[in-house]
PDB file of N, CA and C in Angstrom:
ATOM      1  N   MET A   1      -6.452 -24.846  14.446  1.00  0.00           N
ATOM      2  CA  MET A   1      -7.041 -24.012  13.428  1.00  0.00           C
ATOM      3  C   MET A   1      -6.303 -22.674  13.390  1.00  0.00           C
ATOM      4  N   THR A   2      -5.989 -22.205  12.209  1.00  0.00           N
ATOM      5  CA  THR A   2      -5.255 -20.964  12.034  1.00  0.00           C
ATOM      6  C   THR A   2      -6.220 -19.792  11.913  1.00  0.00           C
ATOM      7  N   SER A   3      -5.889 -18.686  12.586  1.00  0.00           N
ATOM      8  CA  SER A   3      -6.748 -17.498  12.504  1.00  0.00           C
ATOM      9  C   SER A   3      -6.629 -16.871  11.116  1.00  0.00           C
ATOM     10  N   PRO A   4      -7.647 -16.123  10.686  1.00  0.00           N
ATOM     11  CA  PRO A   4      -7.583 -15.458   9.384  1.00  0.00           C
ATOM     12  C   PRO A   4      -6.389 -14.509   9.267  1.00  0.00           C
ATOM     13  N   ALA A   5      -6.045 -13.815  10.344  1.00  0.00           N
ATOM     14  CA  ALA A   5      -4.916 -12.878  10.305  1.00  0.00           C
ATOM     15  C   ALA A   5      -3.607 -13.615  10.055  1.00  0.00           C
ATOM     16  N   VAL A   6      -3.404 -14.734  10.723  1.00  0.00           N
ATOM     17  CA  VAL A   6      -2.186 -15.526  10.531  1.00  0.00           C
ATOM     18  C   VAL A   6      -2.164 -16.113   9.125  1.00  0.00           C
ATOM     19  N   ARG A   7      -3.302 -16.568   8.651  1.00  0.00           N
ATOM     20  CA  ARG A   7      -3.398 -17.108   7.294  1.00  0.00           C
ATOM     21  C   ARG A   7      -3.038 -16.035   6.266  1.00  0.00           C
ATOM     22  N   ASP A   8      -3.544 -14.805   6.461  1.00  0.00           N
ATOM     23  CA  ASP A   8      -3.218 -13.694   5.546  1.00  0.00           C
ATOM     24  C   ASP A   8      -1.734 -13.374   5.585  1.00  0.00           C
ATOM     25  N   LEU A   9      -1.161 -13.363   6.781  1.00  0.00           N
ATOM     26  CA  LEU A   9       0.261 -13.070   6.926  1.00  0.00           C
ATOM     27  C   LEU A   9       1.111 -14.135   6.234  1.00  0.00           C
ATOM     28  N   LEU A  10       0.767 -15.385   6.398  1.00  0.00           N
ATOM     29  CA  LEU A  10       1.500 -16.463   5.733  1.00  0.00           C
ATOM     30  C   LEU A  10       1.414 -16.334   4.219  1.00  0.00           C
ATOM     31  N   HIS A  11       0.260 -15.928   3.729  1.00  0.00           N
ATOM     32  CA  HIS A  11       0.101 -15.712   2.282  1.00  0.00           C
ATOM     33  C   HIS A  11       1.042 -14.606   1.804  1.00  0.00           C
ATOM     34  N   LEU A  12       1.095 -13.490   2.540  1.00  0.00           N
ATOM     35  CA  LEU A  12       1.966 -12.370   2.152  1.00  0.00           C
ATOM     36  C   LEU A  12       3.429 -12.762   2.160  1.00  0.00           C
ATOM     37  N   VAL A  13       3.862 -13.471   3.192  1.00  0.00           N
ATOM     38  CA  VAL A  13       5.269 -13.857   3.319  1.00  0.00           C
ATOM     39  C   VAL A  13       5.691 -14.767   2.176  1.00  0.00           C
ATOM     40  N   ASN A  14       4.766 -15.537   1.655  1.00  0.00           N
ATOM     41  CA  ASN A  14       5.096 -16.477   0.588  1.00  0.00           C
ATOM     42  C   ASN A  14       4.956 -15.912  -0.819  1.00  0.00           C
ATOM     43  N   LEU A  15       4.592 -14.630  -0.930  1.00  0.00           N
ATOM     44  CA  LEU A  15       4.513 -14.017  -2.256  1.00  0.00           C
ATOM     45  C   LEU A  15       5.908 -13.892  -2.849  1.00  0.00           C
ATOM     46  N   PRO A  16       6.045 -14.070  -4.166  1.00  0.00           N
ATOM     47  CA  PRO A  16       7.369 -13.965  -4.789  1.00  0.00           C
ATOM     48  C   PRO A  16       8.004 -12.581  -4.622  1.00  0.00           C
ATOM     49  N   ASP A  17       7.180 -11.537  -4.502  1.00  0.00           N
ATOM     50  CA  ASP A  17       7.694 -10.171  -4.362  1.00  0.00           C
ATOM     51  C   ASP A  17       7.414  -9.640  -2.951  1.00  0.00           C
ATOM     52  N   PHE A  18       7.692 -10.459  -1.934  1.00  0.00           N
ATOM     53  CA  PHE A  18       7.433 -10.049  -0.562  1.00  0.00           C
ATOM     54  C   PHE A  18       8.194  -8.783  -0.196  1.00  0.00           C
ATOM     55  N   GLY A  19       9.350  -8.552  -0.803  1.00  0.00           N
ATOM     56  CA  GLY A  19      10.125  -7.338  -0.526  1.00  0.00           C
ATOM     57  C   GLY A  19       9.311  -6.079  -0.777  1.00  0.00           C
ATOM     58  N   ARG A  20       8.509  -6.070  -1.817  1.00  0.00           N
ATOM     59  CA  ARG A  20       7.665  -4.912  -2.131  1.00  0.00           C
ATOM     60  C   ARG A  20       6.560  -4.759  -1.084  1.00  0.00           C
ATOM     61  N   VAL A  21       5.986  -5.863  -0.647  1.00  0.00           N
ATOM     62  CA  VAL A  21       4.973  -5.825   0.408  1.00  0.00           C
ATOM     63  C   VAL A  21       5.601  -5.249   1.676  1.00  0.00           C
ATOM     64  N   GLN A  22       6.789  -5.704   1.991  1.00  0.00           N
ATOM     65  CA  GLN A  22       7.497  -5.229   3.181  1.00  0.00           C
ATOM     66  C   GLN A  22       7.769  -3.725   3.089  1.00  0.00           C
ATOM     67  N   GLN A  23       8.135  -3.225   1.909  1.00  0.00           N
ATOM     68  CA  GLN A  23       8.351  -1.783   1.721  1.00  0.00           C
ATOM     69  C   GLN A  23       7.085  -1.003   2.042  1.00  0.00           C
ATOM     70  N   GLN A  24       5.946  -1.481   1.549  1.00  0.00           N
ATOM     71  CA  GLN A  24       4.690  -0.780   1.812  1.00  0.00           C
ATOM     72  C   GLN A  24       4.376  -0.758   3.305  1.00  0.00           C
ATOM     73  N   ILE A  25       4.569  -1.884   3.966  1.00  0.00           N
ATOM     74  CA  ILE A  25       4.284  -1.962   5.401  1.00  0.00           C
ATOM     75  C   ILE A  25       5.199  -1.039   6.189  1.00  0.00           C
ATOM     76  N   GLU A  26       6.480  -1.018   5.855  1.00  0.00           N
ATOM     77  CA  GLU A  26       7.426  -0.137   6.548  1.00  0.00           C
ATOM     78  C   GLU A  26       7.067   1.326   6.345  1.00  0.00           C
ATOM     79  N   ARG A  27       6.619   1.667   5.143  1.00  0.00           N
ATOM     80  CA  ARG A  27       6.277   3.048   4.826  1.00  0.00           C
ATOM     81  C   ARG A  27       5.055   3.542   5.608  1.00  0.00           C
ATOM     82  N   LEU A  28       4.244   2.626   6.118  1.00  0.00           N
ATOM     83  CA  LEU A  28       3.073   3.005   6.900  1.00  0.00           C
ATOM     84  C   LEU A  28       3.455   3.626   8.239  1.00  0.00           C
ATOM     85  N   GLY A  29       4.638   3.366   8.716  1.00  0.00           N
ATOM     86  CA  GLY A  29       5.107   3.978   9.952  1.00  0.00           C
ATOM     87  C   GLY A  29       4.284   3.617  11.178  1.00  0.00           C
ATOM     88  N   GLY A  30       3.727   2.413  11.205  1.00  0.00           N
ATOM     89  CA  GLY A  30       2.952   1.985  12.360  1.00  0.00           C
ATOM     90  C   GLY A  30       1.470   2.303  12.290  1.00  0.00           C
ATOM     91  N   CYS A  31       1.005   2.841  11.184  1.00  0.00           N
ATOM     92  CA  CYS A  31      -0.420   3.159  11.020  1.00  0.00           C
ATOM     93  C   CYS A  31      -1.250   1.906  11.277  1.00  0.00           C
ATOM     94  N   THR A  32      -2.282   2.057  12.116  1.00  0.00           N
ATOM     95  CA  THR A  32      -3.127   0.916  12.451  1.00  0.00           C
ATOM     96  C   THR A  32      -4.373   0.806  11.574  1.00  0.00           C
ATOM     97  N   GLU A  33      -4.636   1.815  10.757  1.00  0.00           N
ATOM     98  CA  GLU A  33      -5.815   1.821   9.878  1.00  0.00           C
ATOM     99  C   GLU A  33      -5.427   2.217   8.447  1.00  0.00           C
ATOM    100  N   PRO A  34      -4.501   1.478   7.802  1.00  0.00           N
ATOM    101  CA  PRO A  34      -4.064   1.890   6.466  1.00  0.00           C
ATOM    102  C   PRO A  34      -5.195   1.873   5.445  1.00  0.00           C
ATOM    103  N   VAL A  35      -5.062   2.741   4.464  1.00  0.00           N
ATOM    104  CA  VAL A  35      -6.022   2.834   3.365  1.00  0.00           C
ATOM    105  C   VAL A  35      -5.464   2.007   2.209  1.00  0.00           C
ATOM    106  N   ARG A  36      -6.312   1.172   1.625  1.00  0.00           N
ATOM    107  CA  ARG A  36      -5.905   0.312   0.504  1.00  0.00           C
ATOM    108  C   ARG A  36      -6.380   0.969  -0.797  1.00  0.00           C
ATOM    109  N   LEU A  37      -5.429   1.478  -1.572  1.00  0.00           N
ATOM    110  CA  LEU A  37      -5.747   2.159  -2.828  1.00  0.00           C
ATOM    111  C   LEU A  37      -5.625   1.192  -4.001  1.00  0.00           C
ATOM    112  N   THR A  38      -6.518   1.337  -4.971  1.00  0.00           N
ATOM    113  CA  THR A  38      -6.426   0.563  -6.210  1.00  0.00           C
ATOM    114  C   THR A  38      -6.692   1.496  -7.381  1.00  0.00           C
ATOM    115  N   GLY A  39      -6.043   1.211  -8.492  1.00  0.00           N
ATOM    116  CA  GLY A  39      -6.258   2.024  -9.688  1.00  0.00           C
ATOM    117  C   GLY A  39      -4.978   2.265 -10.447  1.00  0.00           C
ATOM    118  N   HIS A  40      -4.996   3.323 -11.241  1.00  0.00           N
ATOM    119  CA  HIS A  40      -3.822   3.627 -12.065  1.00  0.00           C
ATOM    120  C   HIS A  40      -3.713   5.130 -12.273  1.00  0.00           C
ATOM    121  N   THR A  41      -2.533   5.557 -12.649  1.00  0.00           N
ATOM    122  CA  THR A  41      -2.292   6.958 -12.975  1.00  0.00           C
ATOM    123  C   THR A  41      -1.258   7.027 -14.091  1.00  0.00           C
ATOM    124  N   THR A  42      -1.397   8.016 -14.944  1.00  0.00           N
ATOM    125  CA  THR A  42      -0.440   8.239 -16.029  1.00  0.00           C
ATOM    126  C   THR A  42      -0.177   9.731 -16.124  1.00  0.00           C
ATOM    127  N   THR A  43       1.089  10.093 -16.171  1.00  0.00           N
ATOM    128  CA  THR A  43       1.484  11.491 -16.340  1.00  0.00           C
ATOM    129  C   THR A  43       1.981  11.660 -17.768  1.00  0.00           C
ATOM    130  N   VAL A  44       1.348  12.584 -18.491  1.00  0.00           N
ATOM    131  CA  VAL A  44       1.656  12.787 -19.907  1.00  0.00           C
ATOM    132  C   VAL A  44       2.114  14.220 -20.135  1.00  0.00           C
ATOM    133  N   ASN A  45       3.159  14.389 -20.935  1.00  0.00           N
ATOM    134  CA  ASN A  45       3.594  15.707 -21.359  1.00  0.00           C
ATOM    135  C   ASN A  45       2.555  16.212 -22.359  1.00  0.00           C
ATOM    136  N   THR A  46       1.853  17.282 -22.012  1.00  0.00           N
ATOM    137  CA  THR A  46       0.763  17.763 -22.878  1.00  0.00           C
ATOM    138  C   THR A  46       1.259  18.352 -24.188  1.00  0.00           C
ATOM    139  N   THR A  47       2.510  18.750 -24.231  1.00  0.00           N
ATOM    140  CA  THR A  47       3.054  19.309 -25.465  1.00  0.00           C
ATOM    141  C   THR A  47       3.407  18.213 -26.466  1.00  0.00           C
ATOM    142  N   THR A  48       4.052  17.154 -25.979  1.00  0.00           N
ATOM    143  CA  THR A  48       4.547  16.107 -26.875  1.00  0.00           C
ATOM    144  C   THR A  48       3.716  14.822 -26.829  1.00  0.00           C
ATOM    145  N   SER A  49       2.796  14.724 -25.901  1.00  0.00           N
ATOM    146  CA  SER A  49       1.992  13.517 -25.673  1.00  0.00           C
ATOM    147  C   SER A  49       2.828  12.326 -25.204  1.00  0.00           C
ATOM    148  N   GLU A  50       4.052  12.590 -24.799  1.00  0.00           N
ATOM    149  CA  GLU A  50       4.924  11.529 -24.296  1.00  0.00           C
ATOM    150  C   GLU A  50       4.472  11.126 -22.886  1.00  0.00           C
ATOM    151  N   VAL A  51       4.397   9.828 -22.644  1.00  0.00           N
ATOM    152  CA  VAL A  51       4.079   9.320 -21.315  1.00  0.00           C
ATOM    153  C   VAL A  51       5.340   9.452 -20.462  1.00  0.00           C
ATOM    154  N   LEU A  52       5.251  10.279 -19.424  1.00  0.00           N
ATOM    155  CA  LEU A  52       6.397  10.520 -18.558  1.00  0.00           C
ATOM    156  C   LEU A  52       6.476   9.491 -17.428  1.00  0.00           C
ATOM    157  N   ARG A  53       5.317   9.099 -16.944  1.00  0.00           N
ATOM    158  CA  ARG A  53       5.275   8.182 -15.806  1.00  0.00           C
ATOM    159  C   ARG A  53       3.937   7.464 -15.832  1.00  0.00           C
ATOM    160  N   SER A  54       3.974   6.180 -15.498  1.00  0.00           N
ATOM    161  CA  SER A  54       2.751   5.397 -15.457  1.00  0.00           C
ATOM    162  C   SER A  54       2.834   4.433 -14.281  1.00  0.00           C
ATOM    163  N   TYR A  55       1.733   4.278 -13.563  1.00  0.00           N
ATOM    164  CA  TYR A  55       1.701   3.386 -12.408  1.00  0.00           C
ATOM    165  C   TYR A  55       0.324   2.739 -12.324  1.00  0.00           C
ATOM    166  N   THR A  56       0.314   1.465 -11.987  1.00  0.00           N
ATOM    167  CA  THR A  56      -0.940   0.756 -11.751  1.00  0.00           C
ATOM    168  C   THR A  56      -0.775  -0.179 -10.559  1.00  0.00           C
ATOM    169  N   THR A  57      -1.794  -0.246  -9.736  1.00  0.00           N
ATOM    170  CA  THR A  57      -1.724  -1.143  -8.590  1.00  0.00           C
ATOM    171  C   THR A  57      -1.818  -2.604  -9.030  1.00  0.00           C
ATOM    172  N   SER A  58      -2.195  -2.849 -10.262  1.00  0.00           N
ATOM    173  CA  SER A  58      -2.238  -4.225 -10.776  1.00  0.00           C
ATOM    174  C   SER A  58      -0.867  -4.879 -10.749  1.00  0.00           C
ATOM    175  N   ASP A  59       0.188  -4.057 -10.773  1.00  0.00           N
ATOM    176  CA  ASP A  59       1.550  -4.583 -10.736  1.00  0.00           C
ATOM    177  C   ASP A  59       2.044  -4.861  -9.318  1.00  0.00           C
ATOM    178  N   GLU A  60       1.281  -4.442  -8.321  1.00  0.00           N
ATOM    179  CA  GLU A  60       1.673  -4.667  -6.928  1.00  0.00           C
ATOM    180  C   GLU A  60       1.357  -6.119  -6.540  1.00  0.00           C
ATOM    181  N   PRO A  61       2.137  -6.692  -5.641  1.00  0.00           N
ATOM    182  CA  PRO A  61       1.908  -8.095  -5.252  1.00  0.00           C
ATOM    183  C   PRO A  61       0.511  -8.344  -4.677  1.00  0.00           C
ATOM    184  N   THR A  62      -0.054  -7.365  -3.984  1.00  0.00           N
ATOM    185  CA  THR A  62      -1.384  -7.524  -3.398  1.00  0.00           C
ATOM    186  C   THR A  62      -2.471  -6.843  -4.230  1.00  0.00           C
ATOM    187  N   ARG A  63      -2.099  -6.335  -5.405  1.00  0.00           N
ATOM    188  CA  ARG A  63      -3.016  -5.623  -6.304  1.00  0.00           C
ATOM    189  C   ARG A  63      -3.559  -4.336  -5.701  1.00  0.00           C
ATOM    190  N   SER A  64      -2.867  -3.809  -4.676  1.00  0.00           N
ATOM    191  CA  SER A  64      -3.268  -2.548  -4.057  1.00  0.00           C
ATOM    192  C   SER A  64      -2.040  -1.865  -3.476  1.00  0.00           C
ATOM    193  N   LEU A  65      -2.194  -0.593  -3.126  1.00  0.00           N
ATOM    194  CA  LEU A  65      -1.127   0.186  -2.523  1.00  0.00           C
ATOM    195  C   LEU A  65      -1.624   0.646  -1.159  1.00  0.00           C
ATOM    196  N   LEU A  66      -0.865   0.330  -0.118  1.00  0.00           N
ATOM    197  CA  LEU A  66      -1.235   0.753   1.227  1.00  0.00           C
ATOM    198  C   LEU A  66      -0.649   2.126   1.509  1.00  0.00           C
ATOM    199  N   THR A  67      -1.459   2.984   2.115  1.00  0.00           N
ATOM    200  CA  THR A  67      -0.987   4.296   2.523  1.00  0.00           C
ATOM    201  C   THR A  67      -1.531   4.588   3.922  1.00  0.00           C
ATOM    202  N   ALA A  68      -0.792   5.381   4.686  1.00  0.00           N
ATOM    203  CA  ALA A  68      -1.205   5.694   6.053  1.00  0.00           C
ATOM    204  C   ALA A  68      -2.524   6.457   6.051  1.00  0.00           C
ATOM    205  N   CYS A  69      -3.340   6.219   7.076  1.00  0.00           N
ATOM    206  CA  CYS A  69      -4.661   6.840   7.144  1.00  0.00           C
ATOM    207  C   CYS A  69      -4.577   8.351   7.366  1.00  0.00           C
ATOM    208  N   GLY A  70      -3.565   8.810   8.095  1.00  0.00           N
ATOM    209  CA  GLY A  70      -3.401  10.247   8.329  1.00  0.00           C
ATOM    210  C   GLY A  70      -4.370  10.812   9.350  1.00  0.00           C
ATOM    211  N   ASN A  71      -5.073   9.959  10.084  1.00  0.00           N
ATOM    212  CA  ASN A  71      -6.035  10.424  11.072  1.00  0.00           C
ATOM    213  C   ASN A  71      -5.313  11.113  12.230  1.00  0.00           C
ATOM    214  N   ARG A  72      -5.758  12.288  12.617  1.00  0.00           N
ATOM    215  CA  ARG A  72      -5.086  13.055  13.670  1.00  0.00           C
ATOM    216  C   ARG A  72      -5.581  12.716  15.067  1.00  0.00           C
ATOM    217  N   ARG A  73      -6.596  11.864  15.179  1.00  0.00           N
ATOM    218  CA  ARG A  73      -7.105  11.480  16.505  1.00  0.00           C
ATOM    219  C   ARG A  73      -6.338  10.267  17.028  1.00  0.00           C
ATOM    220  N   SER A  74      -5.691  10.418  18.166  1.00  0.00           N
ATOM    221  CA  SER A  74      -4.887   9.328  18.715  1.00  0.00           C
ATOM    222  C   SER A  74      -5.751   8.125  19.100  1.00  0.00           C
ATOM    223  N   SER A  75      -7.023   8.332  19.351  1.00  0.00           N
ATOM    224  CA  SER A  75      -7.897   7.209  19.688  1.00  0.00           C
ATOM    225  C   SER A  75      -8.138   6.315  18.463  1.00  0.00           C
ATOM    226  N   ARG A  76      -7.974   6.847  17.277  1.00  0.00           N
ATOM    227  CA  ARG A  76      -8.175   6.080  16.039  1.00  0.00           C
ATOM    228  C   ARG A  76      -6.879   5.485  15.522  1.00  0.00           C
ATOM    229  N   CYS A  77      -5.789   6.265  15.530  1.00  0.00           N
ATOM    230  CA  CYS A  77      -4.506   5.780  15.022  1.00  0.00           C
ATOM    231  C   CYS A  77      -3.374   6.543  15.716  1.00  0.00           C
ATOM    232  N   PRO A  78      -2.822   5.978  16.769  1.00  0.00           N
ATOM    233  CA  PRO A  78      -1.762   6.675  17.517  1.00  0.00           C
ATOM    234  C   PRO A  78      -0.564   7.074  16.660  1.00  0.00           C
ATOM    235  N   ALA A  79      -0.200   6.225  15.697  1.00  0.00           N
ATOM    236  CA  ALA A  79       0.982   6.520  14.873  1.00  0.00           C
ATOM    237  C   ALA A  79       0.765   7.746  13.981  1.00  0.00           C
ATOM    238  N   CYS A  80      -0.410   7.892  13.414  1.00  0.00           N
ATOM    239  CA  CYS A  80      -0.672   9.008  12.504  1.00  0.00           C
ATOM    240  C   CYS A  80      -1.009  10.302  13.242  1.00  0.00           C
ATOM    241  N   SER A  81      -1.362  10.216  14.500  1.00  0.00           N
ATOM    242  CA  SER A  81      -1.769  11.418  15.249  1.00  0.00           C
ATOM    243  C   SER A  81      -0.575  12.243  15.721  1.00  0.00           C
ATOM    244  N   CYS A  82       0.603  11.675  15.637  1.00  0.00           N
ATOM    245  CA  CYS A  82       1.808  12.385  16.118  1.00  0.00           C
ATOM    246  C   CYS A  82       2.212  13.518  15.206  1.00  0.00           C
TER     247      CYS A  82
END
């Protein structure tokens, strides 16, 4: 029987855009409690109403963006406490 963690990992490795998943994981820098963000943002030039930048987590392979927790207590996340 496969553990849920191994099953999740196998699912991630088999995603067509695994490279993007790998980028997010590397960017965590060893964080043990990453925050999973979902949503969208749009930056608009208020003078011209031109959309300068747009991002949505719907385009991410896991439908979310992982970011480091930033916790300063080493008992919670040794990587972020440094």
